[in-house]
Amino acid sequence: MTDKQLRKLRRSELLEMLMEIEQENETLAAENRDLRARLEDKQLRIEKSGSLAEAALQLSGVFEAAQRAAELYLENIKQRAPGDSAGAEQQEV
């Protein structure tokens, strides 16, 4: 709307326009708050998922190290007493 058209409007029309604009402004502000809250929630979820993924990787590393240690232990037992395993089985019977 041009300046010339605005000047021709009556006060009641101008007030009505102002009220409509104010209502639209309030609606947009509420929508903005809602979108910001949703964005913050998504960012928090992303941060948590990153933390969970890192924790899972660290746990995976712990389990891998434990598995390697168990395998080394079994290997050492087999190398130390290759003939003793048969003798140990006979002694148990």
N, C-alpha and C. Protein backbone atom coordinates (compact mmCIF):
# COMPACT_ATOMS: atom_id res chain seq x y z
N MET A 1 0.85 -1.16 0.00
CA MET A 1 0.00 0.00 0.00
C MET A 1 0.90 1.23 0.00
N THR A 2 0.56 2.21 -0.81
CA THR A 2 1.39 3.41 -0.92
C THR A 2 1.05 4.40 0.19
N ASP A 3 1.93 5.39 0.36
CA ASP A 3 1.70 6.44 1.36
C ASP A 3 0.41 7.19 1.08
N LYS A 4 0.16 7.44 -0.17
CA LYS A 4 -1.04 8.19 -0.56
C LYS A 4 -2.31 7.43 -0.17
N GLN A 5 -2.30 6.11 -0.39
CA GLN A 5 -3.45 5.28 -0.03
C GLN A 5 -3.63 5.21 1.48
N LEU A 6 -2.53 5.14 2.21
CA LEU A 6 -2.60 5.09 3.67
C LEU A 6 -3.18 6.39 4.24
N ARG A 7 -2.84 7.52 3.65
CA ARG A 7 -3.32 8.81 4.14
C ARG A 7 -4.82 8.97 3.93
N LYS A 8 -5.34 8.26 2.95
CA LYS A 8 -6.78 8.38 2.67
C LYS A 8 -7.63 7.51 3.60
N LEU A 9 -7.01 6.59 4.31
CA LEU A 9 -7.76 5.70 5.20
C LEU A 9 -8.21 6.44 6.46
N ARG A 10 -9.33 5.99 6.98
CA ARG A 10 -9.83 6.56 8.22
C ARG A 10 -9.09 5.94 9.40
N ARG A 11 -9.23 6.58 10.55
CA ARG A 11 -8.56 6.09 11.74
C ARG A 11 -9.02 4.69 12.11
N SER A 12 -10.28 4.44 11.99
CA SER A 12 -10.79 3.10 12.32
C SER A 12 -10.17 2.04 11.42
N GLU A 13 -10.00 2.35 10.16
CA GLU A 13 -9.37 1.40 9.23
C GLU A 13 -7.90 1.20 9.59
N LEU A 14 -7.22 2.29 9.94
CA LEU A 14 -5.82 2.19 10.33
C LEU A 14 -5.66 1.36 11.62
N LEU A 15 -6.57 1.61 12.58
CA LEU A 15 -6.53 0.82 13.82
C LEU A 15 -6.79 -0.66 13.56
N GLU A 16 -7.72 -0.94 12.68
CA GLU A 16 -8.01 -2.33 12.33
C GLU A 16 -6.79 -2.99 11.71
N MET A 17 -6.13 -2.27 10.81
CA MET A 17 -4.91 -2.81 10.19
C MET A 17 -3.83 -3.04 11.24
N LEU A 18 -3.70 -2.07 12.15
CA LEU A 18 -2.71 -2.19 13.21
C LEU A 18 -2.99 -3.40 14.10
N MET A 19 -4.24 -3.64 14.42
CA MET A 19 -4.61 -4.79 15.24
C MET A 19 -4.32 -6.11 14.52
N GLU A 20 -4.61 -6.15 13.22
CA GLU A 20 -4.32 -7.35 12.42
C GLU A 20 -2.82 -7.62 12.39
N ILE A 21 -2.05 -6.56 12.22
CA ILE A 21 -0.59 -6.71 12.18
C ILE A 21 -0.07 -7.18 13.54
N GLU A 22 -0.63 -6.62 14.62
CA GLU A 22 -0.22 -7.01 15.97
C GLU A 22 -0.55 -8.49 16.23
N GLN A 23 -1.73 -8.92 15.79
CA GLN A 23 -2.12 -10.33 15.97
C GLN A 23 -1.19 -11.23 15.18
N GLU A 24 -0.89 -10.86 13.95
CA GLU A 24 0.03 -11.64 13.13
C GLU A 24 1.41 -11.69 13.78
N ASN A 25 1.84 -10.57 14.34
CA ASN A 25 3.13 -10.50 15.02
C ASN A 25 3.16 -11.46 16.22
N GLU A 26 2.10 -11.49 17.01
CA GLU A 26 2.02 -12.40 18.15
C GLU A 26 2.05 -13.85 17.71
N THR A 27 1.33 -14.15 16.63
CA THR A 27 1.30 -15.51 16.09
C THR A 27 2.70 -15.93 15.64
N LEU A 28 3.37 -15.05 14.94
CA LEU A 28 4.72 -15.35 14.46
C LEU A 28 5.71 -15.49 15.61
N ALA A 29 5.55 -14.67 16.64
CA ALA A 29 6.44 -14.77 17.80
C ALA A 29 6.24 -16.12 18.51
N ALA A 30 4.99 -16.56 18.64
CA ALA A 30 4.71 -17.86 19.26
C ALA A 30 5.29 -18.99 18.42
N GLU A 31 5.13 -18.89 17.13
CA GLU A 31 5.68 -19.90 16.22
C GLU A 31 7.20 -19.92 16.32
N ASN A 32 7.79 -18.73 16.42
CA ASN A 32 9.24 -18.62 16.55
C ASN A 32 9.72 -19.30 17.83
N ARG A 33 9.03 -19.05 18.95
CA ARG A 33 9.39 -19.69 20.22
C ARG A 33 9.30 -21.22 20.10
N ASP A 34 8.22 -21.68 19.48
CA ASP A 34 8.02 -23.12 19.31
C ASP A 34 9.15 -23.73 18.47
N LEU A 35 9.49 -23.08 17.38
CA LEU A 35 10.54 -23.59 16.50
C LEU A 35 11.90 -23.58 17.19
N ARG A 36 12.15 -22.55 17.97
CA ARG A 36 13.42 -22.49 18.71
C ARG A 36 13.50 -23.62 19.73
N ALA A 37 12.40 -23.88 20.42
CA ALA A 37 12.38 -24.97 21.40
C ALA A 37 12.60 -26.32 20.71
N ARG A 38 11.96 -26.52 19.57
CA ARG A 38 12.14 -27.77 18.83
C ARG A 38 13.58 -27.92 18.35
N LEU A 39 14.16 -26.81 17.88
CA LEU A 39 15.54 -26.84 17.42
C LEU A 39 16.49 -27.17 18.57
N GLU A 40 16.26 -26.55 19.72
CA GLU A 40 17.08 -26.83 20.89
C GLU A 40 16.97 -28.30 21.29
N ASP A 41 15.75 -28.84 21.24
CA ASP A 41 15.53 -30.24 21.56
C ASP A 41 16.29 -31.15 20.59
N LYS A 42 16.23 -30.82 19.30
CA LYS A 42 16.94 -31.64 18.30
C LYS A 42 18.44 -31.55 18.51
N GLN A 43 18.94 -30.35 18.84
CA GLN A 43 20.37 -30.20 19.07
C GLN A 43 20.80 -31.02 20.28
N LEU A 44 19.97 -31.03 21.31
CA LEU A 44 20.27 -31.82 22.50
C LEU A 44 20.29 -33.31 22.16
N ARG A 45 19.34 -33.73 21.35
CA ARG A 45 19.31 -35.14 20.94
C ARG A 45 20.55 -35.51 20.14
N ILE A 46 20.97 -34.60 19.27
CA ILE A 46 22.17 -34.85 18.45
C ILE A 46 23.39 -34.96 19.36
N GLU A 47 23.49 -34.05 20.34
CA GLU A 47 24.62 -34.10 21.26
C GLU A 47 24.61 -35.41 22.05
N LYS A 48 23.43 -35.81 22.51
CA LYS A 48 23.33 -37.06 23.28
C LYS A 48 23.67 -38.26 22.42
N SER A 49 23.19 -38.25 21.18
CA SER A 49 23.48 -39.40 20.32
C SER A 49 24.97 -39.47 20.03
N GLY A 50 25.61 -38.30 19.90
CA GLY A 50 27.06 -38.29 19.71
C GLY A 50 27.76 -38.87 20.93
N SER A 51 27.30 -38.49 22.11
CA SER A 51 27.89 -39.00 23.34
C SER A 51 27.66 -40.50 23.46
N LEU A 52 26.46 -40.96 23.11
CA LEU A 52 26.18 -42.40 23.18
C LEU A 52 27.02 -43.16 22.17
N ALA A 53 27.19 -42.59 20.98
CA ALA A 53 28.00 -43.26 19.96
C ALA A 53 29.45 -43.35 20.42
N GLU A 54 29.96 -42.27 21.02
CA GLU A 54 31.33 -42.29 21.51
C GLU A 54 31.48 -43.32 22.63
N ALA A 55 30.49 -43.36 23.53
CA ALA A 55 30.54 -44.34 24.62
C ALA A 55 30.53 -45.75 24.08
N ALA A 56 29.71 -45.99 23.07
CA ALA A 56 29.64 -47.33 22.47
C ALA A 56 30.97 -47.70 21.83
N LEU A 57 31.61 -46.74 21.17
CA LEU A 57 32.91 -47.02 20.57
C LEU A 57 33.95 -47.32 21.64
N GLN A 58 33.92 -46.56 22.73
CA GLN A 58 34.87 -46.80 23.81
C GLN A 58 34.64 -48.17 24.43
N LEU A 59 33.37 -48.53 24.65
CA LEU A 59 33.07 -49.85 25.19
C LEU A 59 33.50 -50.94 24.23
N SER A 60 33.29 -50.69 22.96
CA SER A 60 33.70 -51.65 21.95
C SER A 60 35.20 -51.87 22.04
N GLY A 61 35.95 -50.81 22.24
CA GLY A 61 37.40 -50.92 22.40
C GLY A 61 37.77 -51.73 23.62
N VAL A 62 37.03 -51.55 24.71
CA VAL A 62 37.29 -52.31 25.93
C VAL A 62 37.02 -53.80 25.69
N PHE A 63 35.92 -54.09 25.02
CA PHE A 63 35.59 -55.48 24.74
C PHE A 63 36.61 -56.10 23.80
N GLU A 64 37.07 -55.35 22.82
CA GLU A 64 38.08 -55.87 21.90
C GLU A 64 39.38 -56.16 22.65
N ALA A 65 39.77 -55.26 23.55
CA ALA A 65 40.99 -55.48 24.33
C ALA A 65 40.84 -56.70 25.23
N ALA A 66 39.69 -56.87 25.84
CA ALA A 66 39.44 -58.04 26.69
C ALA A 66 39.49 -59.32 25.87
N GLN A 67 38.93 -59.29 24.68
CA GLN A 67 38.95 -60.46 23.80
C GLN A 67 40.39 -60.80 23.42
N ARG A 68 41.19 -59.78 23.07
CA ARG A 68 42.59 -60.02 22.72
C ARG A 68 43.35 -60.62 23.91
N ALA A 69 43.08 -60.07 25.12
CA ALA A 69 43.75 -60.57 26.32
C ALA A 69 43.38 -62.03 26.57
N ALA A 70 42.11 -62.37 26.39
CA ALA A 70 41.68 -63.75 26.59
C ALA A 70 42.33 -64.68 25.56
N GLU A 71 42.41 -64.23 24.33
CA GLU A 71 43.04 -65.05 23.29
C GLU A 71 44.53 -65.26 23.58
N LEU A 72 45.21 -64.19 24.03
CA LEU A 72 46.63 -64.32 24.38
C LEU A 72 46.82 -65.28 25.56
N TYR A 73 45.94 -65.18 26.53
CA TYR A 73 46.00 -66.06 27.69
C TYR A 73 45.87 -67.52 27.26
N LEU A 74 44.89 -67.80 26.43
CA LEU A 74 44.70 -69.17 25.95
C LEU A 74 45.89 -69.64 25.13
N GLU A 75 46.44 -68.75 24.31
CA GLU A 75 47.60 -69.09 23.50
C GLU A 75 48.79 -69.43 24.38
N ASN A 76 49.00 -68.63 25.42
CA ASN A 76 50.11 -68.88 26.34
C ASN A 76 49.96 -70.21 27.06
N ILE A 77 48.74 -70.52 27.47
CA ILE A 77 48.49 -71.80 28.15
C ILE A 77 48.80 -72.96 27.21
N LYS A 78 48.38 -72.84 25.96
CA LYS A 78 48.62 -73.91 24.98
C LYS A 78 50.11 -74.07 24.70
N GLN A 79 50.85 -72.96 24.64
CA GLN A 79 52.29 -73.02 24.33
C GLN A 79 53.09 -73.57 25.51
N ARG A 80 52.68 -73.28 26.72
CA ARG A 80 53.44 -73.70 27.89
C ARG A 80 53.34 -75.20 28.15
N ALA A 81 52.19 -75.75 27.92
CA ALA A 81 52.03 -77.17 28.25
C ALA A 81 51.33 -77.91 27.13
N PRO A 82 52.00 -78.11 26.00
CA PRO A 82 51.33 -78.83 24.92
C PRO A 82 51.06 -80.29 25.26
N GLY A 83 51.93 -80.94 26.02
CA GLY A 83 51.72 -82.34 26.37
C GLY A 83 50.97 -82.48 27.69
N ASP A 84 50.94 -81.43 28.49
CA ASP A 84 50.31 -81.51 29.80
C ASP A 84 48.79 -81.57 29.71
N SER A 85 48.24 -81.06 28.63
CA SER A 85 46.78 -81.04 28.53
C SER A 85 46.22 -82.46 28.50
N ALA A 86 46.92 -83.37 27.82
CA ALA A 86 46.47 -84.77 27.78
C ALA A 86 46.66 -85.40 29.13
N GLY A 87 47.81 -85.10 29.78
CA GLY A 87 48.05 -85.65 31.11
C GLY A 87 47.10 -85.11 32.13
N ALA A 88 46.72 -83.84 32.00
CA ALA A 88 45.79 -83.22 32.95
C ALA A 88 44.41 -83.84 32.80
N GLU A 89 44.05 -84.18 31.59
CA GLU A 89 42.75 -84.80 31.37
C GLU A 89 42.72 -86.21 32.00
N GLN A 90 43.83 -86.91 31.90
CA GLN A 90 43.89 -88.25 32.46
C GLN A 90 43.86 -88.21 33.98
N GLN A 91 44.50 -87.18 34.57
CA GLN A 91 44.54 -87.08 36.00
C GLN A 91 43.15 -86.78 36.57
N GLU A 92 42.33 -86.05 35.82
CA GLU A 92 41.00 -85.68 36.30
C GLU A 92 40.08 -86.89 36.38
N VAL A 93 40.30 -87.88 35.51
CA VAL A 93 39.42 -89.05 35.46
C VAL A 93 39.63 -89.96 36.59
